[in-house]
Amino acid sequence: MADILFDMETRDRLMSGRGNALLVSSSIYQACKLYELFAQTPLAGQCAIVTSYKPSPNDIKGEESGEGLTEKLRQYDIYRKMLADWFEEPEDKAMTRTEEFEKAVKEKFVKAPGQMKLLIVVDKLLTGFDAPSATYLYIDKKMQDHGLFQAICRVNRLDGDDKEYGYVIDYKDLFKSLEGAIGDYTGGALEGYDRADVAGLLENRLEKGRERLEEAREAVKALCEPVAPPKDTGAYLHYFCAADTSDQEALKDNEPKRIALYKGVAALVRAFANLANEMPKAGYRSAEIEAIRQEVDHYEKVRHEVKLGSGDYVDMKVFEPAMRHLLDTYLQAEDSKAISAFDDLGLVELIVEQGLGALDRLPKGIRDNPEAMAETIENNVRKLIIDEQPVNPKYYEKMSQLLDALIQERKAQALAYQEYLKKLVELSGKVKKPTATTAYPTSLDTPARRALYDNLDHNEALAVKIDTAVRYTKKDDWRGNRFKEREVENAIREELGEYAVKTPEIFELVKNQREY
């Protein structure tokens, strides 16, 4: 029990809520005792028993001995209480809903692992139960051959970059039996399984963990090897973002390199976290442990600086589940409070909301380097322009030209640094909130109407007519449906009249509007 609680608080997949665990108990009574204990810990409400047992009054007839509760009575009482707590109704009513309970907890275990962290089982769910979230299997029951192999297979389903394999904790010294079964593959115990799968079924956790950590270290070093000396913040931003921020294609062209970096460093942090508390057992000396910790910390800071410097910070969160928790737990990252400001807002959004004060939240490596600071903002504004360009090409083409002019002024040192930053903040506001800096006629009261106006030579009446026609003509789920799209395109062509030659351009603009 202590092992499981410790793992729940320290193991990446378990503490992040993306993974969960199965505990195989020796009997239904034992499962009930374990559940009763876990119900008094932080796992209360996130733990359940799934067995073939269905509490019935017939089970306890004749069990009153006068010497305390028998096993059957305790089992009966614990199961009834668990069902009553789940359904929030009296025990006598809840005890009839075991099948409904089993279905519900299994579904939550698979779909919401952070809410159902531990299932205690005896025989059920050890075969055929497909739950990729299941990452840890604790075995406290005698098992052998085919049954043991089937149980271990419950944790070998992968569901994302943060799960490379499952963990099996064997409290009954069963692996020797399994090794014999694997060695005797032709004996029938494992008939029907692919020989390669069987051969690679079990590996020493610490040995495998060390191998993964070394592989991750080498992979990240290889990704960063081409970065020019002195490999400071500016050099990393030039290599992974843009050597020249006025190059409108560089940021997009370097995106594959950045994604590889994000995924590579995330894998490195997870590999380090998996071994962080057991590095000496894995064969590392004290000096090596500290060197690796500094190395992981360095590359994690590089990753954050590149993400912020490119404007990818919010977009790429999918590659780093529980990463912040891991960093705070194992690296004590000094920038965690500053970086957390960007969890839900990008740099441009923060600049628009807070002005120059938002720049104080950037990591020290960027903050202390004026050129890196300038390029970070320029890249973020550039990325927003690129992302929003399809929604209003004319407007964002103008914004791109303003950004290019500002970059040239900086390079020519035509502006003092603080004055340049103020102009860049002003441009950020124009890019993020067009209506705050541009006066539109009152009839253009939606982003779509304003986009049509900007791309129809500021013809207010025509913009309103096309907007009205599109709203009247479009049907549900019209995008991607050839016939429904044709209806919208014809309506646009009819309203354009003498401007009909612009029909394809305006139709594409309409397709890109979020409100249609």
Protein backbone atom coordinates (compact mmCIF):
# COMPACT_ATOMS: atom_id res chain seq x y z
CA MET A 1 0.00 0.00 0.00
CA ALA A 2 2.80 2.41 0.91
CA ASP A 3 4.52 1.65 -2.42
CA ILE A 4 1.39 2.52 -4.39
CA LEU A 5 0.78 5.76 -2.51
CA PHE A 6 4.42 6.74 -3.02
CA ASP A 7 4.22 6.01 -6.74
CA MET A 8 1.00 8.00 -7.06
CA GLU A 9 2.83 11.06 -5.71
CA THR A 10 6.15 10.66 -7.55
CA ARG A 11 5.70 8.76 -10.82
CA ASP A 12 5.16 10.93 -13.89
CA ARG A 13 2.21 9.12 -15.42
CA LEU A 14 0.41 8.59 -12.12
CA MET A 15 0.81 12.05 -10.63
CA SER A 16 -0.06 13.75 -13.94
CA GLY A 17 -3.44 12.04 -14.19
CA ARG A 18 -2.64 10.60 -17.62
CA GLY A 19 -1.97 7.12 -16.29
CA ASN A 20 -3.34 4.81 -13.62
CA ALA A 21 -2.79 1.40 -12.05
CA LEU A 22 -4.20 -2.09 -11.46
CA LEU A 23 -3.66 -3.99 -8.22
CA VAL A 24 -4.15 -7.76 -8.46
CA SER A 25 -5.25 -9.12 -5.08
CA SER A 26 -5.23 -12.74 -3.90
CA SER A 27 -8.93 -12.86 -2.93
CA ILE A 28 -12.10 -10.80 -2.91
CA TYR A 29 -11.83 -10.39 0.85
CA GLN A 30 -8.24 -9.18 0.51
CA ALA A 31 -9.36 -6.75 -2.22
CA CYS A 32 -12.01 -5.37 0.12
CA LYS A 33 -9.51 -4.89 2.94
CA LEU A 34 -7.17 -3.04 0.61
CA TYR A 35 -9.98 -0.85 -0.68
CA GLU A 36 -10.98 0.03 2.88
CA LEU A 37 -7.42 1.17 3.60
CA PHE A 38 -7.07 3.17 0.37
CA ALA A 39 -10.41 4.85 1.05
CA GLN A 40 -8.74 6.60 4.01
CA THR A 41 -5.94 8.06 1.85
CA PRO A 42 -5.79 10.69 -0.94
CA LEU A 43 -7.01 7.91 -3.28
CA ALA A 44 -10.47 8.07 -1.71
CA GLY A 45 -12.99 8.47 -4.53
CA GLN A 46 -10.35 7.51 -7.10
CA CYS A 47 -10.17 3.81 -6.27
CA ALA A 48 -12.60 0.92 -6.82
CA ILE A 49 -12.93 -2.87 -6.63
CA VAL A 50 -13.90 -4.82 -9.75
CA THR A 51 -14.57 -8.51 -9.06
CA SER A 52 -17.23 -11.12 -9.73
CA TYR A 53 -18.68 -10.60 -6.25
CA LYS A 54 -22.27 -9.40 -5.92
CA PRO A 55 -23.32 -8.72 -2.32
CA SER A 56 -26.43 -10.62 -1.30
CA PRO A 57 -28.09 -11.20 2.10
CA ASN A 58 -27.78 -14.92 1.47
CA ASP A 59 -23.98 -14.57 1.68
CA ILE A 60 -24.07 -13.66 5.37
CA LYS A 61 -26.68 -16.00 6.76
CA GLY A 62 -25.29 -17.78 9.78
CA GLU A 63 -22.19 -15.56 9.87
CA GLU A 64 -23.03 -13.85 13.18
CA SER A 65 -20.61 -15.52 15.57
CA GLY A 66 -20.57 -13.05 18.44
CA GLU A 67 -16.80 -12.79 18.10
CA GLY A 68 -16.69 -9.90 15.68
CA LEU A 69 -17.20 -9.73 11.94
CA THR A 70 -16.25 -12.74 9.87
CA GLU A 71 -14.51 -12.38 6.50
CA LYS A 72 -17.82 -12.75 4.68
CA LEU A 73 -19.48 -10.08 6.82
CA ARG A 74 -16.64 -7.60 6.34
CA GLN A 75 -16.54 -8.27 2.61
CA TYR A 76 -20.30 -7.76 2.42
CA ASP A 77 -20.20 -4.51 4.41
CA ILE A 78 -17.25 -2.99 2.53
CA TYR A 79 -18.71 -3.78 -0.89
CA ARG A 80 -22.11 -2.33 0.07
CA LYS A 81 -20.52 0.83 1.42
CA MET A 82 -18.40 1.27 -1.74
CA LEU A 83 -21.50 0.98 -3.95
CA ALA A 84 -23.52 3.32 -1.72
CA ASP A 85 -20.76 5.95 -1.79
CA TRP A 86 -20.50 5.72 -5.59
CA PHE A 87 -24.23 6.04 -6.26
CA GLU A 88 -24.88 8.32 -3.26
CA GLU A 89 -27.87 6.30 -2.13
CA PRO A 90 -28.73 3.82 0.68
CA GLU A 91 -26.72 0.60 0.79
CA ASP A 92 -29.77 -1.68 0.35
CA LYS A 93 -30.57 0.04 -2.95
CA ALA A 94 -27.01 0.47 -4.23
CA MET A 95 -26.03 -3.18 -3.66
CA THR A 96 -28.22 -4.27 -6.59
CA ARG A 97 -26.25 -2.14 -9.09
CA THR A 98 -22.91 -3.98 -9.25
CA GLU A 99 -22.97 -4.41 -13.04
CA GLU A 100 -23.74 -0.73 -13.55
CA PHE A 101 -20.96 0.14 -11.09
CA GLU A 102 -18.42 -2.04 -12.90
CA LYS A 103 -19.25 -0.51 -16.26
CA ALA A 104 -18.98 3.02 -14.89
CA VAL A 105 -15.64 2.60 -13.11
CA LYS A 106 -14.09 0.80 -16.09
CA GLU A 107 -15.17 3.62 -18.38
CA LYS A 108 -13.76 6.25 -16.02
CA PHE A 109 -10.52 4.25 -15.67
CA VAL A 110 -10.06 4.30 -19.45
CA LYS A 111 -11.37 7.77 -20.30
CA ALA A 112 -10.53 9.78 -17.16
CA PRO A 113 -7.47 8.15 -15.55
CA GLY A 114 -6.91 11.14 -13.29
CA GLN A 115 -10.29 10.51 -11.69
CA MET A 116 -10.01 6.71 -11.37
CA LYS A 117 -6.40 6.05 -10.43
CA LEU A 118 -6.54 2.50 -9.05
CA LEU A 119 -8.65 -0.59 -9.74
CA ILE A 120 -8.32 -3.49 -7.33
CA VAL A 121 -9.05 -6.79 -9.07
CA VAL A 122 -8.79 -10.53 -8.44
CA ASP A 123 -9.60 -12.32 -11.69
CA LYS A 124 -11.63 -9.81 -13.69
CA LEU A 125 -9.99 -7.41 -16.16
CA LEU A 126 -6.83 -9.53 -16.39
CA THR A 127 -7.72 -10.66 -19.91
CA GLY A 128 -9.22 -8.64 -22.74
CA PHE A 129 -9.47 -5.36 -20.82
CA ASP A 130 -7.99 -2.72 -23.13
CA ALA A 131 -6.98 0.37 -21.14
CA PRO A 132 -3.98 2.23 -22.61
CA SER A 133 -3.99 4.50 -19.56
CA ALA A 134 -3.02 1.53 -17.33
CA THR A 135 0.70 2.04 -16.70
CA TYR A 136 1.43 0.25 -13.41
CA LEU A 137 0.47 -3.31 -12.49
CA TYR A 138 0.94 -4.39 -8.86
CA ILE A 139 0.71 -8.17 -8.45
CA ASP A 140 -0.02 -9.61 -5.00
CA LYS A 141 -1.41 -12.95 -6.12
CA LYS A 142 0.09 -16.27 -7.19
CA MET A 143 -0.16 -16.52 -10.98
CA GLN A 144 1.66 -18.44 -13.67
CA ASP A 145 2.25 -18.94 -17.37
CA HIS A 146 -0.59 -17.83 -19.62
CA GLY A 147 -2.55 -16.07 -16.89
CA LEU A 148 0.48 -14.11 -15.72
CA PHE A 149 1.41 -13.18 -19.25
CA GLN A 150 -2.14 -11.97 -19.93
CA ALA A 151 -2.08 -9.84 -16.78
CA ILE A 152 1.22 -8.20 -17.75
CA CYS A 153 -0.21 -7.40 -21.17
CA ARG A 154 -2.75 -5.10 -19.48
CA VAL A 155 -0.08 -2.41 -19.14
CA ASN A 156 1.64 -2.73 -22.52
CA ARG A 157 -0.81 -0.57 -24.52
CA LEU A 158 0.73 2.78 -25.51
CA ASP A 159 -1.31 5.97 -25.69
CA GLY A 160 1.14 8.84 -26.13
CA ASP A 161 4.71 10.09 -26.05
CA ASP A 162 4.78 9.99 -22.25
CA LYS A 163 4.22 6.21 -22.10
CA GLU A 164 6.98 4.09 -23.59
CA TYR A 165 6.27 0.93 -21.59
CA GLY A 166 4.32 -0.31 -18.57
CA TYR A 167 5.66 -1.13 -15.11
CA VAL A 168 5.05 -4.40 -13.28
CA ILE A 169 5.65 -4.62 -9.53
CA ASP A 170 5.86 -8.29 -8.51
CA TYR A 171 5.26 -9.00 -4.81
CA LYS A 172 5.13 -12.78 -5.25
CA ASP A 173 8.43 -13.42 -7.07
CA LEU A 174 6.51 -14.64 -10.11
CA PHE A 175 8.96 -13.57 -12.80
CA LYS A 176 11.10 -16.66 -12.47
CA SER A 177 8.04 -18.69 -13.40
CA LEU A 178 7.37 -16.39 -16.32
CA GLU A 179 10.96 -16.60 -17.52
CA GLY A 180 10.55 -20.35 -17.59
CA ALA A 181 7.38 -20.01 -19.62
CA ILE A 182 9.14 -17.69 -22.08
CA GLY A 183 12.05 -20.13 -22.33
CA ASP A 184 9.64 -22.93 -22.98
CA TYR A 185 7.80 -20.96 -25.64
CA THR A 186 7.02 -24.09 -27.62
CA GLY A 187 5.46 -25.79 -24.60
CA GLY A 188 2.05 -24.27 -25.23
CA ALA A 189 1.78 -21.88 -22.29
CA LEU A 190 2.19 -18.88 -24.60
CA GLU A 191 0.74 -20.38 -27.74
CA GLY A 192 -0.88 -17.78 -29.98
CA TYR A 193 1.50 -14.95 -29.08
CA ASP A 194 4.16 -13.58 -31.39
CA ARG A 195 7.61 -14.87 -30.40
CA ALA A 196 9.15 -11.38 -30.67
CA ASP A 197 6.55 -9.94 -28.30
CA VAL A 198 7.20 -12.68 -25.78
CA ALA A 199 10.98 -12.34 -26.00
CA GLY A 200 10.81 -8.63 -25.19
CA LEU A 201 8.12 -8.89 -22.56
CA LEU A 202 10.22 -8.26 -19.45
CA GLU A 203 13.18 -6.00 -18.93
CA ASN A 204 14.89 -4.74 -15.80
CA ARG A 205 13.34 -1.37 -14.98
CA LEU A 206 16.55 0.36 -13.88
CA GLU A 207 18.55 -0.99 -16.80
CA LYS A 208 15.85 0.05 -19.24
CA GLY A 209 15.51 3.42 -17.54
CA ARG A 210 19.23 4.09 -17.86
CA GLU A 211 19.16 3.05 -21.51
CA ARG A 212 16.24 5.41 -22.21
CA LEU A 213 17.93 8.28 -20.43
CA GLU A 214 21.17 7.88 -22.35
CA GLU A 215 19.28 7.61 -25.65
CA ALA A 216 17.32 10.77 -24.84
CA ARG A 217 20.49 12.66 -23.91
CA GLU A 218 22.21 11.72 -27.16
CA ALA A 219 19.13 12.56 -29.23
CA VAL A 220 18.85 16.09 -27.79
CA LYS A 221 22.58 16.72 -28.11
CA ALA A 222 22.39 15.70 -31.77
CA LEU A 223 19.46 18.07 -32.37
CA CYS A 224 21.38 20.98 -30.83
CA GLU A 225 24.82 20.17 -32.24
CA PRO A 226 24.42 22.46 -35.32
CA VAL A 227 23.69 25.50 -33.11
CA ALA A 228 26.49 28.03 -33.61
CA PRO A 229 28.88 28.93 -30.79
CA PRO A 230 28.65 30.24 -28.14
CA LYS A 231 25.31 28.36 -28.03
CA ASP A 232 23.64 31.06 -25.99
CA THR A 233 19.99 32.14 -26.11
CA GLY A 234 20.48 34.16 -29.30
CA ALA A 235 22.20 31.27 -31.10
CA TYR A 236 19.39 28.85 -30.22
CA LEU A 237 16.74 31.33 -31.37
CA HIS A 238 18.57 31.89 -34.65
CA TYR A 239 18.83 28.16 -35.36
CA PHE A 240 15.38 27.03 -34.27
CA CYS A 241 13.35 30.18 -35.07
CA ALA A 242 14.84 32.61 -37.57
CA ALA A 243 18.34 33.87 -38.24
CA ASP A 244 16.71 36.95 -39.77
CA THR A 245 13.30 37.94 -38.37
CA SER A 246 12.51 39.88 -41.55
CA ASP A 247 12.51 36.56 -43.43
CA GLN A 248 8.79 35.80 -43.56
CA GLU A 249 9.29 32.10 -44.33
CA ALA A 250 12.02 31.23 -41.81
CA LEU A 251 9.76 30.72 -38.80
CA LYS A 252 7.53 28.29 -40.70
CA ASP A 253 10.45 26.53 -42.39
CA ASN A 254 12.13 25.85 -39.03
CA GLU A 255 8.98 24.47 -37.40
CA PRO A 256 9.98 20.78 -37.90
CA LYS A 257 13.25 21.43 -36.06
CA ARG A 258 11.39 23.06 -33.18
CA ILE A 259 8.88 20.23 -32.87
CA ALA A 260 11.74 17.71 -32.79
CA LEU A 261 13.37 19.79 -30.03
CA TYR A 262 10.16 20.01 -27.96
CA LYS A 263 9.52 16.29 -28.19
CA GLY A 264 13.16 15.37 -27.63
CA VAL A 265 13.52 17.49 -24.49
CA ALA A 266 10.15 16.30 -23.15
CA ALA A 267 11.39 12.71 -23.56
CA LEU A 268 14.64 13.66 -21.79
CA VAL A 269 12.82 15.22 -18.83
CA ARG A 270 10.54 12.17 -18.48
CA ALA A 271 13.48 9.76 -18.71
CA PHE A 272 15.33 11.73 -16.03
CA ALA A 273 12.25 11.94 -13.80
CA ASN A 274 11.73 8.17 -14.04
CA LEU A 275 15.20 7.60 -12.58
CA ALA A 276 15.71 10.75 -10.50
CA ASN A 277 15.13 9.05 -7.15
CA GLU A 278 17.11 5.93 -8.05
CA MET A 279 20.06 7.18 -10.08
CA PRO A 280 22.68 5.54 -7.81
CA LYS A 281 20.87 2.20 -8.12
CA ALA A 282 20.96 2.65 -11.90
CA GLY A 283 24.76 2.90 -11.73
CA TYR A 284 25.36 6.66 -11.80
CA ARG A 285 27.98 8.31 -9.58
CA SER A 286 27.26 11.51 -7.65
CA ALA A 287 29.21 13.71 -10.08
CA GLU A 288 27.40 12.16 -13.05
CA ILE A 289 24.01 12.68 -11.42
CA GLU A 290 24.62 16.39 -10.87
CA ALA A 291 26.03 16.82 -14.40
CA ILE A 292 22.96 15.13 -15.91
CA ARG A 293 20.62 17.21 -13.77
CA GLN A 294 22.29 20.41 -15.00
CA GLU A 295 22.16 19.12 -18.57
CA VAL A 296 18.43 18.39 -18.35
CA ASP A 297 17.84 21.78 -16.72
CA HIS A 298 19.82 23.50 -19.51
CA TYR A 299 17.91 21.86 -22.35
CA GLU A 300 14.57 22.46 -20.65
CA LYS A 301 15.40 26.17 -20.43
CA VAL A 302 16.41 26.09 -24.11
CA ARG A 303 13.08 24.49 -24.95
CA HIS A 304 11.12 27.18 -23.09
CA GLU A 305 13.13 29.99 -24.65
CA VAL A 306 12.63 28.58 -28.15
CA LYS A 307 8.91 28.06 -27.58
CA LEU A 308 8.52 31.61 -26.34
CA GLY A 309 10.87 32.98 -28.96
CA SER A 310 8.86 31.39 -31.77
CA GLY A 311 5.34 31.96 -30.45
CA ASP A 312 4.82 28.21 -30.18
CA TYR A 313 4.39 28.15 -26.41
CA VAL A 314 0.62 27.62 -26.24
CA ASP A 315 0.38 25.60 -29.47
CA MET A 316 2.90 22.97 -28.41
CA LYS A 317 1.54 22.16 -24.94
CA VAL A 318 0.27 18.86 -26.33
CA PHE A 319 3.86 17.58 -26.29
CA GLU A 320 4.42 18.14 -22.58
CA PRO A 321 1.81 16.56 -20.30
CA ALA A 322 2.68 17.11 -16.62
CA MET A 323 5.99 18.71 -17.67
CA ARG A 324 5.69 21.62 -15.27
CA HIS A 325 5.03 19.27 -12.34
CA LEU A 326 8.08 17.20 -13.26
CA LEU A 327 10.30 20.25 -13.51
CA ASP A 328 9.19 21.66 -10.18
CA THR A 329 9.61 18.24 -8.55
CA TYR A 330 12.96 17.15 -9.98
CA LEU A 331 14.72 20.27 -11.26
CA GLN A 332 13.27 23.09 -9.12
CA ALA A 333 13.28 25.33 -12.17
CA GLU A 334 13.89 28.94 -11.09
CA ASP A 335 11.81 30.30 -13.99
CA SER A 336 8.68 28.26 -13.27
CA LYS A 337 6.63 31.17 -11.92
CA ALA A 338 7.53 33.44 -14.85
CA ILE A 339 6.98 30.75 -17.46
CA SER A 340 3.62 29.73 -16.01
CA ALA A 341 2.28 33.12 -17.09
CA PHE A 342 2.40 31.83 -20.66
CA ASP A 343 0.45 28.61 -19.96
CA ASP A 344 -2.80 30.05 -21.30
CA LEU A 345 -1.72 33.26 -23.05
CA GLY A 346 0.92 33.82 -25.67
CA LEU A 347 3.44 36.64 -25.49
CA VAL A 348 1.50 38.94 -27.82
CA GLU A 349 -1.66 38.54 -25.74
CA LEU A 350 0.24 39.40 -22.56
CA ILE A 351 1.87 42.41 -24.21
CA VAL A 352 -1.54 43.68 -25.33
CA GLU A 353 -2.91 43.23 -21.81
CA GLN A 354 0.08 44.42 -19.77
CA GLY A 355 2.27 46.47 -22.11
CA LEU A 356 6.04 46.48 -21.56
CA GLY A 357 5.53 44.93 -18.12
CA ALA A 358 4.79 41.58 -19.78
CA LEU A 359 8.41 41.40 -20.92
CA ASP A 360 9.54 41.04 -17.30
CA ARG A 361 7.94 37.60 -17.33
CA LEU A 362 10.26 36.27 -20.02
CA PRO A 363 13.05 33.86 -19.01
CA LYS A 364 16.28 35.47 -17.87
CA GLY A 365 18.22 34.30 -20.95
CA ILE A 366 15.89 36.32 -23.20
CA ARG A 367 15.27 39.17 -20.77
CA ASP A 368 18.96 40.00 -20.36
CA ASN A 369 19.73 39.97 -24.09
CA PRO A 370 18.25 43.00 -25.94
CA GLU A 371 18.62 41.40 -29.37
CA ALA A 372 17.03 38.14 -28.19
CA MET A 373 14.21 40.14 -26.59
CA ALA A 374 13.56 42.04 -29.81
CA GLU A 375 13.67 38.92 -31.98
CA THR A 376 11.38 37.06 -29.58
CA ILE A 377 8.69 39.72 -29.87
CA GLU A 378 9.17 40.00 -33.64
CA ASN A 379 8.83 36.23 -34.07
CA ASN A 380 5.70 36.14 -31.92
CA VAL A 381 4.10 38.96 -33.88
CA ARG A 382 5.15 37.32 -37.16
CA LYS A 383 3.61 34.00 -36.15
CA LEU A 384 0.34 35.66 -35.20
CA ILE A 385 0.27 37.48 -38.55
CA ILE A 386 0.89 34.21 -40.41
CA ASP A 387 -1.82 32.42 -38.40
CA GLU A 388 -4.39 35.17 -38.96
CA GLN A 389 -3.51 35.98 -42.60
CA PRO A 390 -6.18 33.69 -44.12
CA VAL A 391 -8.90 35.44 -42.09
CA ASN A 392 -8.07 38.91 -43.46
CA PRO A 393 -5.25 38.86 -46.05
CA LYS A 394 -5.25 42.59 -46.82
CA TYR A 395 -5.13 43.71 -43.20
CA TYR A 396 -2.42 41.28 -42.14
CA GLU A 397 -0.38 41.98 -45.25
CA LYS A 398 -0.32 45.59 -44.09
CA MET A 399 0.68 44.46 -40.57
CA SER A 400 3.49 42.35 -42.04
CA GLN A 401 4.81 45.39 -43.92
CA LEU A 402 4.73 47.47 -40.73
CA LEU A 403 6.65 44.76 -38.90
CA ASP A 404 9.25 44.57 -41.69
CA ALA A 405 9.74 48.34 -41.56
CA LEU A 406 10.16 48.24 -37.79
CA ILE A 407 12.72 45.44 -38.03
CA GLN A 408 14.71 47.44 -40.56
CA GLU A 409 14.68 50.46 -38.24
CA ARG A 410 16.05 48.30 -35.44
CA LYS A 411 18.80 46.87 -37.62
CA ALA A 412 19.73 50.33 -38.82
CA GLN A 413 19.80 51.47 -35.19
CA ALA A 414 17.47 54.28 -36.17
CA LEU A 415 15.53 53.96 -32.91
CA ALA A 416 16.58 53.89 -29.28
CA TYR A 417 15.88 50.45 -27.78
CA GLN A 418 13.09 51.58 -25.43
CA GLU A 419 11.42 53.57 -28.21
CA TYR A 420 11.65 50.54 -30.47
CA LEU A 421 10.02 48.35 -27.80
CA LYS A 422 7.16 50.84 -27.42
CA LYS A 423 6.53 50.77 -31.18
CA LEU A 424 6.63 46.98 -31.15
CA VAL A 425 4.08 46.86 -28.33
CA GLU A 426 1.87 49.25 -30.30
CA LEU A 427 2.12 47.01 -33.38
CA SER A 428 1.27 43.98 -31.25
CA GLY A 429 -2.00 45.67 -30.30
CA LYS A 430 -2.84 46.34 -33.95
CA VAL A 431 -2.14 42.71 -34.88
CA LYS A 432 -4.08 41.21 -31.99
CA LYS A 433 -7.01 43.62 -31.86
CA PRO A 434 -7.62 45.32 -35.23
CA THR A 435 -10.76 47.16 -34.07
CA ALA A 436 -8.88 48.81 -31.21
CA THR A 437 -6.63 50.72 -33.61
CA THR A 438 -8.65 50.91 -36.86
CA ALA A 439 -11.88 52.91 -37.32
CA TYR A 440 -14.51 50.85 -39.18
CA PRO A 441 -18.00 52.02 -40.21
CA THR A 442 -20.61 51.15 -37.57
CA SER A 443 -22.38 48.69 -39.89
CA LEU A 444 -19.27 46.49 -39.90
CA ASP A 445 -20.01 45.06 -36.48
CA THR A 446 -18.48 41.58 -36.91
CA PRO A 447 -14.97 40.35 -37.78
CA ALA A 448 -16.31 38.73 -40.97
CA ARG A 449 -17.86 41.97 -42.23
CA ARG A 450 -14.65 43.86 -41.46
CA ALA A 451 -12.58 41.27 -43.31
CA LEU A 452 -14.85 41.53 -46.37
CA TYR A 453 -14.62 45.34 -46.20
CA ASP A 454 -10.79 45.27 -46.08
CA ASN A 455 -10.60 42.88 -49.03
CA LEU A 456 -13.27 44.57 -51.19
CA ASP A 457 -11.54 47.94 -51.55
CA HIS A 458 -13.39 49.30 -48.49
CA ASN A 459 -16.80 48.92 -50.16
CA GLU A 460 -19.03 48.98 -47.07
CA ALA A 461 -22.32 48.23 -48.81
CA LEU A 462 -20.91 45.28 -50.75
CA ALA A 463 -19.34 43.80 -47.60
CA VAL A 464 -22.70 43.92 -45.80
CA LYS A 465 -24.55 42.40 -48.81
CA ILE A 466 -22.13 39.45 -49.09
CA ASP A 467 -22.21 38.82 -45.34
CA THR A 468 -26.02 38.75 -45.42
CA ALA A 469 -26.06 36.44 -48.46
CA VAL A 470 -23.63 33.99 -46.86
CA ARG A 471 -25.57 33.84 -43.61
CA TYR A 472 -28.82 33.30 -45.50
CA THR A 473 -27.40 30.65 -47.85
CA LYS A 474 -25.02 28.56 -45.74
CA LYS A 475 -26.27 25.28 -44.30
CA ASP A 476 -25.00 23.26 -41.34
CA ASP A 477 -21.58 21.71 -41.91
CA TRP A 478 -21.27 23.38 -45.28
CA ARG A 479 -17.48 23.39 -45.35
CA GLY A 480 -16.13 20.33 -47.14
CA ASN A 481 -19.51 19.52 -48.71
CA ARG A 482 -19.14 20.21 -52.45
CA PHE A 483 -22.82 20.96 -53.06
CA LYS A 484 -23.29 23.19 -50.00
CA GLU A 485 -20.08 25.06 -50.79
CA ARG A 486 -21.24 25.63 -54.37
CA GLU A 487 -24.45 27.24 -53.10
CA VAL A 488 -22.47 29.68 -50.97
CA GLU A 489 -20.04 30.43 -53.79
CA ASN A 490 -22.90 31.14 -56.22
CA ALA A 491 -24.52 33.48 -53.71
CA ILE A 492 -21.24 35.39 -53.40
CA ARG A 493 -20.81 35.58 -57.18
CA GLU A 494 -24.33 36.97 -57.57
CA GLU A 495 -23.73 39.74 -55.03
CA LEU A 496 -20.29 40.62 -56.43
CA GLY A 497 -21.76 41.54 -59.80
CA GLU A 498 -19.08 43.45 -61.71
CA TYR A 499 -16.50 42.16 -59.19
CA ALA A 500 -17.38 38.53 -60.02
CA VAL A 501 -13.77 37.88 -61.04
CA LYS A 502 -12.94 38.04 -57.32
CA THR A 503 -15.39 35.24 -56.46
CA PRO A 504 -12.74 32.53 -55.74
CA GLU A 505 -10.75 34.93 -53.55
CA ILE A 506 -13.79 36.11 -51.56
CA PHE A 507 -15.19 32.57 -51.27
CA GLU A 508 -11.89 31.41 -49.75
CA LEU A 509 -12.01 34.39 -47.39
CA VAL A 510 -15.54 33.43 -46.33
CA LYS A 511 -14.49 29.82 -45.70
CA ASN A 512 -11.79 31.06 -43.33
CA GLN A 513 -14.18 33.11 -41.17
CA ARG A 514 -14.77 31.50 -37.78
CA GLU A 515 -18.29 32.90 -37.43
CA TYR A 516 -19.63 31.25 -40.59
